[in-house]
Amino acid sequence: MKKETLSSDLDTFDLAILRLIQEDNTIPHRIIGEKVNLSAPSVQRRIKRMQKAGVIAAQTAVLEPSKVGLPLTILVEVELKAETGGQIDAIKAEFLAAQEIQQCYYVTGEADFVLVILIGDMAEYEALTQRLFFGNANIRKFKTFVVMDRTKASGSLNI
């Protein structure tokens, strides 16, 4: 990544730390320090600073959806009838509240939103469409793409 696109608050040590912890956030600070040539307390201070600054947004476990009863991934394009500020905010709130929606993007182009949904089966998806899409008078149409194979799904950033 080009230096000019990085936050001026991040240096090469910070980036090295971030690369390591986005692969395994349970790695001890001592081991990180050995790998990036810093002391464990220095690593700890840097991680706390990056957490406070919002660079590290969360530290979570990545679950395998099929192992927890969510084997079906569905992508959905949603087109609205009207796009006033209040209507956009209302639909965003609905999408945020839906546990089945893992990712929601407000986009340019023909669709207004693109959703990534993880769900147990098609019957659950049909119930979700009734609740979110057919039940909303501002949704013009939606287009469903059922994922046949999750070729790549990574949360790691190329830094």
Protein backbone atom coordinates (compact mmCIF):
# COMPACT_ATOMS: atom_id res chain seq x y z
CA MET A 1 0.00 0.00 0.00
CA LYS A 2 1.29 3.46 -0.80
CA LYS A 3 2.58 5.43 2.18
CA GLU A 4 0.53 8.53 1.26
CA THR A 5 -2.73 6.59 1.58
CA LEU A 6 -1.98 5.48 5.15
CA SER A 7 -2.98 7.40 8.22
CA SER A 8 -0.12 9.62 9.29
CA ASP A 9 -0.48 8.14 12.79
CA LEU A 10 0.58 4.66 11.63
CA ASP A 11 4.23 3.77 11.18
CA THR A 12 5.90 0.63 9.87
CA PHE A 13 5.85 -0.99 13.32
CA ASP A 14 2.10 -0.38 13.62
CA LEU A 15 1.50 -1.88 10.19
CA ALA A 16 3.61 -4.94 11.02
CA ILE A 17 1.64 -5.41 14.26
CA LEU A 18 -1.68 -5.04 12.41
CA ARG A 19 -0.64 -7.63 9.81
CA LEU A 20 0.11 -10.13 12.56
CA ILE A 21 -2.98 -9.59 14.70
CA GLN A 22 -5.41 -9.66 11.81
CA GLU A 23 -4.18 -13.19 11.12
CA ASP A 24 -4.31 -14.22 14.81
CA ASN A 25 -5.45 -11.77 17.46
CA THR A 26 -4.52 -14.17 20.27
CA ILE A 27 -0.79 -14.01 19.55
CA PRO A 28 1.04 -12.89 22.70
CA HIS A 29 2.56 -9.41 22.72
CA ARG A 30 5.96 -10.97 23.45
CA ILE A 31 5.82 -12.99 20.21
CA ILE A 32 4.62 -9.98 18.22
CA GLY A 33 7.50 -7.98 19.70
CA GLU A 34 10.00 -10.62 18.64
CA LYS A 35 8.63 -10.64 15.11
CA VAL A 36 8.59 -6.83 14.69
CA ASN A 37 11.64 -6.04 16.85
CA LEU A 38 9.85 -4.23 19.68
CA SER A 39 9.40 -4.93 23.39
CA ALA A 40 6.17 -6.52 24.57
CA PRO A 41 5.16 -3.34 26.52
CA SER A 42 5.74 -1.25 23.39
CA VAL A 43 3.53 -3.62 21.37
CA GLN A 44 0.86 -3.41 24.08
CA ARG A 45 0.95 0.42 24.09
CA ARG A 46 0.69 0.53 20.29
CA ILE A 47 -2.25 -1.88 20.21
CA LYS A 48 -4.09 0.11 22.90
CA ARG A 49 -3.44 3.35 20.96
CA MET A 50 -4.76 1.80 17.73
CA GLN A 51 -7.85 0.48 19.56
CA LYS A 52 -8.54 3.90 21.06
CA ALA A 53 -8.10 5.56 17.64
CA GLY A 54 -10.50 3.09 16.01
CA VAL A 55 -7.86 1.55 13.74
CA ILE A 56 -8.58 -1.76 15.45
CA ALA A 57 -12.37 -1.79 15.31
CA ALA A 58 -12.95 -5.10 17.11
CA GLN A 59 -11.28 -8.30 18.19
CA THR A 60 -13.56 -11.18 17.30
CA ALA A 61 -13.46 -14.85 16.42
CA VAL A 62 -14.15 -15.80 12.80
CA LEU A 63 -16.70 -18.60 12.76
CA GLU A 64 -17.32 -21.12 10.00
CA PRO A 65 -20.98 -20.45 9.06
CA SER A 66 -21.80 -24.02 8.02
CA LYS A 67 -20.54 -25.37 11.37
CA VAL A 68 -23.01 -23.19 13.29
CA GLY A 69 -26.11 -23.93 11.22
CA LEU A 70 -25.78 -21.20 8.58
CA PRO A 71 -24.69 -23.07 5.45
CA LEU A 72 -26.43 -20.80 2.94
CA THR A 73 -24.89 -17.52 1.78
CA ILE A 74 -27.12 -15.26 -0.27
CA LEU A 75 -26.24 -11.98 -1.96
CA VAL A 76 -29.11 -9.58 -2.57
CA GLU A 77 -29.34 -6.42 -4.65
CA VAL A 78 -32.09 -4.11 -3.41
CA GLU A 79 -33.58 -1.28 -5.46
CA LEU A 80 -35.69 1.37 -3.75
CA LYS A 81 -38.62 3.33 -5.17
CA ALA A 82 -37.55 6.60 -3.52
CA GLU A 83 -34.29 7.73 -1.96
CA THR A 84 -34.92 10.61 0.39
CA GLY A 85 -32.64 10.95 3.40
CA GLY A 86 -35.30 9.70 5.78
CA GLN A 87 -36.17 6.70 3.62
CA ILE A 88 -32.50 5.72 3.28
CA ASP A 89 -32.02 6.02 7.04
CA ALA A 90 -35.14 3.93 7.68
CA ILE A 91 -34.07 1.08 5.41
CA LYS A 92 -30.53 1.18 6.83
CA ALA A 93 -32.02 0.81 10.31
CA GLU A 94 -34.10 -2.19 9.19
CA PHE A 95 -31.08 -3.86 7.60
CA LEU A 96 -28.92 -3.16 10.67
CA ALA A 97 -31.51 -4.79 12.91
CA ALA A 98 -31.77 -7.98 10.81
CA GLN A 99 -29.42 -10.55 12.37
CA GLU A 100 -29.36 -12.57 9.13
CA ILE A 101 -27.68 -9.69 7.25
CA GLN A 102 -23.95 -9.95 7.80
CA GLN A 103 -22.93 -7.10 5.54
CA CYS A 104 -24.89 -4.20 4.08
CA TYR A 105 -23.57 -1.76 1.49
CA TYR A 106 -25.30 1.40 0.25
CA VAL A 107 -24.03 1.55 -3.33
CA THR A 108 -24.14 3.53 -6.54
CA GLY A 109 -25.51 2.11 -9.77
CA GLU A 110 -28.71 0.26 -10.56
CA ALA A 111 -29.09 -1.24 -7.08
CA ASP A 112 -29.25 0.91 -3.98
CA PHE A 113 -28.07 -1.72 -1.51
CA VAL A 114 -26.10 -4.95 -1.69
CA LEU A 115 -26.59 -7.37 1.18
CA VAL A 116 -24.67 -10.44 2.28
CA ILE A 117 -26.97 -12.80 4.14
CA LEU A 118 -26.05 -15.98 6.03
CA ILE A 119 -29.00 -18.23 6.72
CA GLY A 120 -29.94 -21.82 7.52
CA ASP A 121 -32.09 -22.71 4.50
CA MET A 122 -34.34 -21.37 1.75
CA ALA A 123 -37.44 -21.46 3.97
CA GLU A 124 -35.71 -19.06 6.36
CA TYR A 125 -34.71 -16.86 3.43
CA GLU A 126 -38.28 -16.81 2.14
CA ALA A 127 -39.51 -15.69 5.58
CA LEU A 128 -36.82 -12.99 5.62
CA THR A 129 -37.89 -11.72 2.17
CA GLN A 130 -41.50 -11.51 3.37
CA ARG A 131 -40.44 -9.54 6.43
CA LEU A 132 -37.86 -7.20 4.89
CA PHE A 133 -38.64 -6.84 1.21
CA PHE A 134 -42.28 -7.63 0.46
CA GLY A 135 -43.34 -5.90 3.65
CA ASN A 136 -41.62 -2.63 2.72
CA ALA A 137 -43.55 -0.33 0.37
CA ASN A 138 -40.33 1.52 -0.60
CA ILE A 139 -38.62 -1.54 -2.11
CA ARG A 140 -39.09 -1.56 -5.87
CA LYS A 141 -37.40 -4.92 -6.38
CA PHE A 142 -34.69 -7.20 -5.12
CA LYS A 143 -32.49 -9.69 -6.90
CA THR A 144 -31.16 -12.80 -5.17
CA PHE A 145 -27.89 -14.60 -5.86
CA VAL A 146 -27.39 -17.93 -4.06
CA VAL A 147 -23.72 -18.62 -3.42
CA MET A 148 -22.70 -22.06 -4.71
CA ASP A 149 -19.14 -21.95 -3.35
CA ARG A 150 -17.42 -19.51 -1.01
CA THR A 151 -14.17 -19.26 -2.91
CA LYS A 152 -12.72 -16.49 -0.77
CA ALA A 153 -14.04 -14.74 2.31
CA SER A 154 -11.40 -12.81 4.16
CA GLY A 155 -11.60 -9.93 6.56
CA SER A 156 -7.87 -9.28 6.33
CA LEU A 157 -6.84 -5.97 4.82
CA ASN A 158 -3.97 -5.71 2.36
CA ILE A 159 -1.77 -3.33 4.34
